[in-house]
Amino acid sequence: MSEQEKPHRPIRSFVLRQGRLTVGQQRAFDSLWPRFGIDYDGQPIDFSALFGNDNPVFLEIGFGNGESLASMAQEHPEHNYLGIEVHGPGAGHLLIRIETLGLENIRILRHDAIEVLKHCITTNSLQGLFLFFPDPWHKKRHHKRRILNPDFVTELGRVIRPGGFFHAATDWEDYALQMMAVLSAADTLFENSAGAGQYTPRPDYRPLTKFEQRGHRLGHGVWDLIFIRRGV
């Protein structure tokens, strides 16, 4: 097969490292996934049918172990939350937290977030979208794998309704600078809530992670960016 005939392989923003599920995580998948999990089928999601109400929907990409998402859902039962995470143990941990806290307003999808946004999230259907501490791909040759790029921001502009917001956070200053540049360039779609070129203090709804607490003790910085979707 010639180079021209080889199928195009999309650039992924993640490396799939599944890890082993604990006994508790496997039990959670077996018993709770049918209720709280969504099997990816490439079809648009009807949020009203999925959650059984018309409450505002917030989506988190790459929720890790799900602690932040579970905390937000517990604090705001009047909101619905969809979490996307490709790593099995993280999803299993969140399922356990859902059960422990008695949460009803979270659903989980395990798939590439870019494909989910493109195929499953309908136009103007999200009130907010969170991207907390995405893989920084810190080596320069890997920067092309960073999830936040102009195409991603264009897609954000489609799925986030006017008046909604996009909130990103990173502990890599180089990535924070890139995020600021890319988001600021999309000024027809988004407006910086803190003012042009400004970062936002961590809002109360974003819990301080153990990793972040350790970083603060070591003098590491964290940068939050909150951009509001323009329009009426």
C-alpha atoms as a PDB file:
ATOM      1  CA  MET A   1       0.000   0.000   0.000  1.00  0.00           C
ATOM      2  CA  SER A   2       1.422   3.392  -0.964  1.00  0.00           C
ATOM      3  CA  GLU A   3       1.693   6.312   1.455  1.00  0.00           C
ATOM      4  CA  GLN A   4      -1.179   7.997  -0.383  1.00  0.00           C
ATOM      5  CA  GLU A   5      -3.410   4.937   0.039  1.00  0.00           C
ATOM      6  CA  LYS A   6      -2.832   4.455   3.756  1.00  0.00           C
ATOM      7  CA  PRO A   7      -5.923   5.359   5.804  1.00  0.00           C
ATOM      8  CA  HIS A   8      -5.648   8.576   7.776  1.00  0.00           C
ATOM      9  CA  ARG A   9      -5.113   7.995  11.492  1.00  0.00           C
ATOM     10  CA  PRO A  10      -6.549  10.743  13.677  1.00  0.00           C
ATOM     11  CA  ILE A  11      -4.271  12.428  16.174  1.00  0.00           C
ATOM     12  CA  ARG A  12      -5.434  11.408  19.647  1.00  0.00           C
ATOM     13  CA  SER A  13      -5.180  13.676  22.675  1.00  0.00           C
ATOM     14  CA  PHE A  14      -4.754  10.685  24.995  1.00  0.00           C
ATOM     15  CA  VAL A  15      -2.897   7.407  25.365  1.00  0.00           C
ATOM     16  CA  LEU A  16      -5.089   4.545  26.488  1.00  0.00           C
ATOM     17  CA  ARG A  17      -3.569   3.063  29.649  1.00  0.00           C
ATOM     18  CA  GLN A  18      -6.368   0.959  31.043  1.00  0.00           C
ATOM     19  CA  GLY A  19      -4.805  -0.401  34.204  1.00  0.00           C
ATOM     20  CA  ARG A  20      -6.457  -3.079  36.293  1.00  0.00           C
ATOM     21  CA  LEU A  21      -9.891  -2.648  37.780  1.00  0.00           C
ATOM     22  CA  THR A  22     -10.203  -3.274  41.487  1.00  0.00           C
ATOM     23  CA  VAL A  23     -12.792  -5.770  42.673  1.00  0.00           C
ATOM     24  CA  GLY A  24     -15.001  -2.862  43.747  1.00  0.00           C
ATOM     25  CA  GLN A  25     -14.659  -1.092  40.399  1.00  0.00           C
ATOM     26  CA  GLN A  26     -15.545  -4.267  38.495  1.00  0.00           C
ATOM     27  CA  ARG A  27     -18.583  -4.750  40.719  1.00  0.00           C
ATOM     28  CA  ALA A  28     -19.576  -1.130  40.054  1.00  0.00           C
ATOM     29  CA  PHE A  29     -19.338  -1.657  36.312  1.00  0.00           C
ATOM     30  CA  ASP A  30     -21.373  -4.860  36.494  1.00  0.00           C
ATOM     31  CA  SER A  31     -24.139  -3.405  38.641  1.00  0.00           C
ATOM     32  CA  LEU A  32     -24.181   0.344  37.869  1.00  0.00           C
ATOM     33  CA  TRP A  33     -23.071   0.810  34.264  1.00  0.00           C
ATOM     34  CA  PRO A  34     -26.477  -0.204  32.829  1.00  0.00           C
ATOM     35  CA  ARG A  35     -28.015   2.670  34.820  1.00  0.00           C
ATOM     36  CA  PHE A  36     -25.381   5.399  34.676  1.00  0.00           C
ATOM     37  CA  GLY A  37     -23.258   4.456  31.671  1.00  0.00           C
ATOM     38  CA  ILE A  38     -23.788   5.310  28.009  1.00  0.00           C
ATOM     39  CA  ASP A  39     -22.490   2.969  25.339  1.00  0.00           C
ATOM     40  CA  TYR A  40     -21.128   5.039  22.461  1.00  0.00           C
ATOM     41  CA  ASP A  41     -23.092   4.560  19.236  1.00  0.00           C
ATOM     42  CA  GLY A  42     -22.280   7.766  17.373  1.00  0.00           C
ATOM     43  CA  GLN A  43     -25.860   9.023  17.645  1.00  0.00           C
ATOM     44  CA  PRO A  44     -27.064  12.366  19.083  1.00  0.00           C
ATOM     45  CA  ILE A  45     -27.915  12.217  22.784  1.00  0.00           C
ATOM     46  CA  ASP A  46     -31.360  13.350  23.906  1.00  0.00           C
ATOM     47  CA  PHE A  47     -30.495  14.844  27.294  1.00  0.00           C
ATOM     48  CA  SER A  48     -34.117  15.238  28.359  1.00  0.00           C
ATOM     49  CA  ALA A  49     -34.705  11.537  27.825  1.00  0.00           C
ATOM     50  CA  LEU A  50     -31.337  10.558  29.316  1.00  0.00           C
ATOM     51  CA  PHE A  51     -31.815  12.428  32.605  1.00  0.00           C
ATOM     52  CA  GLY A  52     -35.594  12.484  32.723  1.00  0.00           C
ATOM     53  CA  ASN A  53     -35.721  16.283  33.037  1.00  0.00           C
ATOM     54  CA  ASP A  54     -34.779  19.505  31.244  1.00  0.00           C
ATOM     55  CA  ASN A  55     -32.191  20.741  33.759  1.00  0.00           C
ATOM     56  CA  PRO A  56     -29.045  22.448  32.394  1.00  0.00           C
ATOM     57  CA  VAL A  57     -26.357  20.015  31.246  1.00  0.00           C
ATOM     58  CA  PHE A  58     -22.649  20.358  32.055  1.00  0.00           C
ATOM     59  CA  LEU A  59     -20.013  18.140  30.474  1.00  0.00           C
ATOM     60  CA  GLU A  60     -16.551  17.287  31.800  1.00  0.00           C
ATOM     61  CA  ILE A  61     -13.914  15.926  29.439  1.00  0.00           C
ATOM     62  CA  GLY A  62     -11.335  13.650  31.036  1.00  0.00           C
ATOM     63  CA  PHE A  63     -12.711  13.504  34.571  1.00  0.00           C
ATOM     64  CA  GLY A  64      -9.869  11.349  35.937  1.00  0.00           C
ATOM     65  CA  ASN A  65     -11.131   9.581  39.050  1.00  0.00           C
ATOM     66  CA  GLY A  66     -14.348  11.608  38.994  1.00  0.00           C
ATOM     67  CA  GLU A  67     -13.958  13.330  42.357  1.00  0.00           C
ATOM     68  CA  SER A  68     -14.491  16.833  40.950  1.00  0.00           C
ATOM     69  CA  LEU A  69     -17.472  15.733  38.889  1.00  0.00           C
ATOM     70  CA  ALA A  70     -19.067  13.907  41.823  1.00  0.00           C
ATOM     71  CA  SER A  71     -18.529  16.940  44.062  1.00  0.00           C
ATOM     72  CA  MET A  72     -20.165  19.306  41.570  1.00  0.00           C
ATOM     73  CA  ALA A  73     -23.096  16.947  41.062  1.00  0.00           C
ATOM     74  CA  GLN A  74     -23.605  16.613  44.810  1.00  0.00           C
ATOM     75  CA  GLU A  75     -23.512  20.384  45.323  1.00  0.00           C
ATOM     76  CA  HIS A  76     -25.865  21.084  42.406  1.00  0.00           C
ATOM     77  CA  PRO A  77     -28.638  18.483  42.160  1.00  0.00           C
ATOM     78  CA  GLU A  78     -30.521  20.974  39.960  1.00  0.00           C
ATOM     79  CA  HIS A  79     -27.890  20.409  37.236  1.00  0.00           C
ATOM     80  CA  ASN A  80     -27.164  17.386  35.050  1.00  0.00           C
ATOM     81  CA  TYR A  81     -23.597  16.214  34.430  1.00  0.00           C
ATOM     82  CA  LEU A  82     -22.103  14.091  31.674  1.00  0.00           C
ATOM     83  CA  GLY A  83     -18.550  12.846  32.168  1.00  0.00           C
ATOM     84  CA  ILE A  84     -16.258  11.534  29.431  1.00  0.00           C
ATOM     85  CA  GLU A  85     -13.251   9.413  30.390  1.00  0.00           C
ATOM     86  CA  VAL A  86     -11.456   6.696  28.414  1.00  0.00           C
ATOM     87  CA  HIS A  87      -9.683   5.065  31.359  1.00  0.00           C
ATOM     88  CA  GLY A  88     -11.594   2.239  32.987  1.00  0.00           C
ATOM     89  CA  PRO A  89     -10.414   2.547  36.617  1.00  0.00           C
ATOM     90  CA  GLY A  90     -11.366   6.241  36.690  1.00  0.00           C
ATOM     91  CA  ALA A  91     -14.851   5.474  35.421  1.00  0.00           C
ATOM     92  CA  GLY A  92     -15.141   2.637  37.921  1.00  0.00           C
ATOM     93  CA  HIS A  93     -14.130   4.953  40.761  1.00  0.00           C
ATOM     94  CA  LEU A  94     -16.763   7.489  39.736  1.00  0.00           C
ATOM     95  CA  LEU A  95     -19.434   4.786  39.609  1.00  0.00           C
ATOM     96  CA  ILE A  96     -18.566   3.900  43.214  1.00  0.00           C
ATOM     97  CA  ARG A  97     -18.817   7.583  44.214  1.00  0.00           C
ATOM     98  CA  ILE A  98     -22.191   7.867  42.460  1.00  0.00           C
ATOM     99  CA  GLU A  99     -23.457   4.940  44.525  1.00  0.00           C
ATOM    100  CA  THR A 100     -21.915   6.148  47.798  1.00  0.00           C
ATOM    101  CA  LEU A 101     -23.294   9.677  47.462  1.00  0.00           C
ATOM    102  CA  GLY A 102     -26.654   8.595  46.051  1.00  0.00           C
ATOM    103  CA  LEU A 103     -26.270  10.754  42.951  1.00  0.00           C
ATOM    104  CA  GLU A 104     -28.864  10.646  40.199  1.00  0.00           C
ATOM    105  CA  ASN A 105     -27.639  13.493  37.982  1.00  0.00           C
ATOM    106  CA  ILE A 106     -24.473  11.991  36.427  1.00  0.00           C
ATOM    107  CA  ARG A 107     -24.018   9.858  33.336  1.00  0.00           C
ATOM    108  CA  ILE A 108     -20.698   8.460  32.038  1.00  0.00           C
ATOM    109  CA  LEU A 109     -19.433   7.867  28.519  1.00  0.00           C
ATOM    110  CA  ARG A 110     -16.172   6.034  27.772  1.00  0.00           C
ATOM    111  CA  HIS A 111     -14.977   7.161  24.373  1.00  0.00           C
ATOM    112  CA  ASP A 112     -12.812   9.702  22.565  1.00  0.00           C
ATOM    113  CA  ALA A 113     -14.203  13.093  23.607  1.00  0.00           C
ATOM    114  CA  ILE A 114     -13.631  14.647  20.182  1.00  0.00           C
ATOM    115  CA  GLU A 115     -15.815  12.030  18.533  1.00  0.00           C
ATOM    116  CA  VAL A 116     -18.442  12.378  21.255  1.00  0.00           C
ATOM    117  CA  LEU A 117     -18.621  16.151  20.750  1.00  0.00           C
ATOM    118  CA  LYS A 118     -18.838  15.810  16.994  1.00  0.00           C
ATOM    119  CA  HIS A 119     -21.412  13.033  16.790  1.00  0.00           C
ATOM    120  CA  CYS A 120     -23.343  12.936  20.078  1.00  0.00           C
ATOM    121  CA  ILE A 121     -23.655  16.473  21.456  1.00  0.00           C
ATOM    122  CA  THR A 122     -26.281  18.551  19.695  1.00  0.00           C
ATOM    123  CA  THR A 123     -25.989  22.255  18.919  1.00  0.00           C
ATOM    124  CA  ASN A 124     -26.497  24.645  21.880  1.00  0.00           C
ATOM    125  CA  SER A 125     -27.242  21.746  24.240  1.00  0.00           C
ATOM    126  CA  LEU A 126     -24.623  22.427  26.939  1.00  0.00           C
ATOM    127  CA  GLN A 127     -24.680  25.099  29.625  1.00  0.00           C
ATOM    128  CA  GLY A 128     -21.043  24.520  30.456  1.00  0.00           C
ATOM    129  CA  LEU A 129     -18.042  22.386  29.559  1.00  0.00           C
ATOM    130  CA  PHE A 130     -15.095  21.611  31.839  1.00  0.00           C
ATOM    131  CA  LEU A 131     -11.556  20.606  30.839  1.00  0.00           C
ATOM    132  CA  PHE A 132      -9.533  20.225  34.036  1.00  0.00           C
ATOM    133  CA  PHE A 133      -5.825  19.353  33.796  1.00  0.00           C
ATOM    134  CA  PRO A 134      -5.757  17.747  30.350  1.00  0.00           C
ATOM    135  CA  ASP A 135      -2.595  15.939  29.266  1.00  0.00           C
ATOM    136  CA  PRO A 136      -0.144  18.796  28.558  1.00  0.00           C
ATOM    137  CA  TRP A 137       1.926  16.846  26.040  1.00  0.00           C
ATOM    138  CA  HIS A 138       4.802  18.978  27.232  1.00  0.00           C
ATOM    139  CA  LYS A 139       7.358  17.966  24.601  1.00  0.00           C
ATOM    140  CA  LYS A 140       7.216  20.388  21.692  1.00  0.00           C
ATOM    141  CA  ARG A 141       6.918  17.618  19.105  1.00  0.00           C
ATOM    142  CA  HIS A 142       3.786  16.398  20.900  1.00  0.00           C
ATOM    143  CA  HIS A 143       2.010  19.760  21.106  1.00  0.00           C
ATOM    144  CA  LYS A 144      -0.138  18.754  18.131  1.00  0.00           C
ATOM    145  CA  ARG A 145      -1.780  16.199  20.410  1.00  0.00           C
ATOM    146  CA  ARG A 146      -3.081  18.797  22.840  1.00  0.00           C
ATOM    147  CA  ILE A 147      -6.864  18.685  22.836  1.00  0.00           C
ATOM    148  CA  LEU A 148      -7.368  22.440  22.978  1.00  0.00           C
ATOM    149  CA  ASN A 149      -6.777  23.759  19.460  1.00  0.00           C
ATOM    150  CA  PRO A 150      -8.730  26.000  17.042  1.00  0.00           C
ATOM    151  CA  ASP A 151     -10.874  23.142  15.695  1.00  0.00           C
ATOM    152  CA  PHE A 152     -11.786  22.104  19.234  1.00  0.00           C
ATOM    153  CA  VAL A 153     -12.776  25.670  20.133  1.00  0.00           C
ATOM    154  CA  THR A 154     -14.976  25.866  17.036  1.00  0.00           C
ATOM    155  CA  GLU A 155     -16.740  22.714  18.198  1.00  0.00           C
ATOM    156  CA  LEU A 156     -17.122  24.223  21.671  1.00  0.00           C
ATOM    157  CA  GLY A 157     -18.831  27.194  20.038  1.00  0.00           C
ATOM    158  CA  ARG A 158     -21.344  24.846  18.461  1.00  0.00           C
ATOM    159  CA  VAL A 159     -22.290  22.752  21.506  1.00  0.00           C
ATOM    160  CA  ILE A 160     -22.241  25.439  24.235  1.00  0.00           C
ATOM    161  CA  ARG A 161     -25.346  27.605  24.210  1.00  0.00           C
ATOM    162  CA  PRO A 162     -25.106  31.426  24.217  1.00  0.00           C
ATOM    163  CA  GLY A 163     -24.460  32.591  27.775  1.00  0.00           C
ATOM    164  CA  GLY A 164     -22.901  29.253  28.677  1.00  0.00           C
ATOM    165  CA  PHE A 165     -19.214  28.838  29.420  1.00  0.00           C
ATOM    166  CA  PHE A 166     -16.043  26.850  28.845  1.00  0.00           C
ATOM    167  CA  HIS A 167     -13.760  26.367  31.866  1.00  0.00           C
ATOM    168  CA  ALA A 168     -10.246  24.981  31.477  1.00  0.00           C
ATOM    169  CA  ALA A 169      -7.535  24.547  34.096  1.00  0.00           C
ATOM    170  CA  THR A 170      -3.901  23.485  33.757  1.00  0.00           C
ATOM    171  CA  ASP A 171      -0.777  23.387  35.886  1.00  0.00           C
ATOM    172  CA  TRP A 172       1.515  23.794  32.869  1.00  0.00           C
ATOM    173  CA  GLU A 173       2.220  27.461  32.189  1.00  0.00           C
ATOM    174  CA  ASP A 174       3.162  26.805  28.560  1.00  0.00           C
ATOM    175  CA  TYR A 175      -0.202  25.113  27.982  1.00  0.00           C
ATOM    176  CA  ALA A 176      -2.000  27.912  29.824  1.00  0.00           C
ATOM    177  CA  LEU A 177      -0.435  30.431  27.447  1.00  0.00           C
ATOM    178  CA  GLN A 178      -1.500  28.370  24.445  1.00  0.00           C
ATOM    179  CA  MET A 179      -5.031  27.991  25.833  1.00  0.00           C
ATOM    180  CA  MET A 180      -5.259  31.743  26.324  1.00  0.00           C
ATOM    181  CA  ALA A 181      -4.016  32.445  22.801  1.00  0.00           C
ATOM    182  CA  VAL A 182      -6.349  29.959  21.098  1.00  0.00           C
ATOM    183  CA  LEU A 183      -9.433  30.962  23.070  1.00  0.00           C
ATOM    184  CA  SER A 184      -8.737  34.684  22.732  1.00  0.00           C
ATOM    185  CA  ALA A 185      -8.395  34.287  18.964  1.00  0.00           C
ATOM    186  CA  ALA A 186     -11.968  32.919  18.839  1.00  0.00           C
ATOM    187  CA  ASP A 187     -13.355  36.275  19.982  1.00  0.00           C
ATOM    188  CA  THR A 188     -16.397  36.029  17.732  1.00  0.00           C
ATOM    189  CA  LEU A 189     -17.471  32.955  19.718  1.00  0.00           C
ATOM    190  CA  PHE A 190     -16.159  33.516  23.249  1.00  0.00           C
ATOM    191  CA  GLU A 191     -15.410  36.336  25.658  1.00  0.00           C
ATOM    192  CA  ASN A 192     -12.921  36.047  28.511  1.00  0.00           C
ATOM    193  CA  SER A 193     -14.913  36.369  31.746  1.00  0.00           C
ATOM    194  CA  ALA A 194     -11.897  37.862  33.542  1.00  0.00           C
ATOM    195  CA  GLY A 195     -11.016  40.392  30.857  1.00  0.00           C
ATOM    196  CA  ALA A 196      -8.729  40.191  27.848  1.00  0.00           C
ATOM    197  CA  GLY A 197      -5.644  38.092  28.535  1.00  0.00           C
ATOM    198  CA  GLN A 198      -6.563  37.490  32.177  1.00  0.00           C
ATOM    199  CA  TYR A 199      -6.778  34.217  34.095  1.00  0.00           C
ATOM    200  CA  THR A 200      -9.558  33.544  36.592  1.00  0.00           C
ATOM    201  CA  PRO A 201      -9.133  32.677  40.297  1.00  0.00           C
ATOM    202  CA  ARG A 202     -10.255  29.113  40.971  1.00  0.00           C
ATOM    203  CA  PRO A 203     -14.031  29.213  41.459  1.00  0.00           C
ATOM    204  CA  ASP A 204     -15.492  27.427  44.459  1.00  0.00           C
ATOM    205  CA  TYR A 205     -17.245  24.845  42.306  1.00  0.00           C
ATOM    206  CA  ARG A 206     -13.902  23.424  41.092  1.00  0.00           C
ATOM    207  CA  PRO A 207     -12.645  21.347  44.028  1.00  0.00           C
ATOM    208  CA  LEU A 208      -8.988  21.586  44.971  1.00  0.00           C
ATOM    209  CA  THR A 209      -7.473  18.194  44.118  1.00  0.00           C
ATOM    210  CA  LYS A 210      -4.828  16.444  46.226  1.00  0.00           C
ATOM    211  CA  PHE A 211      -2.449  16.747  43.269  1.00  0.00           C
ATOM    212  CA  GLU A 212      -3.128  20.482  43.109  1.00  0.00           C
ATOM    213  CA  GLN A 213      -2.636  20.917  46.865  1.00  0.00           C
ATOM    214  CA  ARG A 214       0.748  19.234  46.587  1.00  0.00           C
ATOM    215  CA  GLY A 215       1.636  21.501  43.669  1.00  0.00           C
ATOM    216  CA  HIS A 216       0.780  24.588  45.706  1.00  0.00           C
ATOM    217  CA  ARG A 217       3.057  23.415  48.521  1.00  0.00           C
ATOM    218  CA  LEU A 218       5.858  23.019  45.993  1.00  0.00           C
ATOM    219  CA  GLY A 219       5.220  26.451  44.533  1.00  0.00           C
ATOM    220  CA  HIS A 220       3.668  25.244  41.296  1.00  0.00           C
ATOM    221  CA  GLY A 221       1.132  27.467  39.568  1.00  0.00           C
ATOM    222  CA  VAL A 222      -2.368  26.594  38.344  1.00  0.00           C
ATOM    223  CA  TRP A 223      -4.160  28.620  35.702  1.00  0.00           C
ATOM    224  CA  ASP A 224      -7.953  28.722  35.244  1.00  0.00           C
ATOM    225  CA  LEU A 225      -9.595  30.145  32.129  1.00  0.00           C
ATOM    226  CA  ILE A 226     -13.347  30.760  31.892  1.00  0.00           C
ATOM    227  CA  PHE A 227     -14.724  31.960  28.580  1.00  0.00           C
ATOM    228  CA  ILE A 228     -18.383  32.867  28.017  1.00  0.00           C
ATOM    229  CA  ARG A 229     -20.176  31.875  24.809  1.00  0.00           C
ATOM    230  CA  ARG A 230     -21.273  35.007  22.990  1.00  0.00           C
ATOM    231  CA  GLY A 231     -24.741  35.446  21.542  1.00  0.00           C
ATOM    232  CA  VAL A 232     -28.297  35.667  22.767  1.00  0.00           C
END
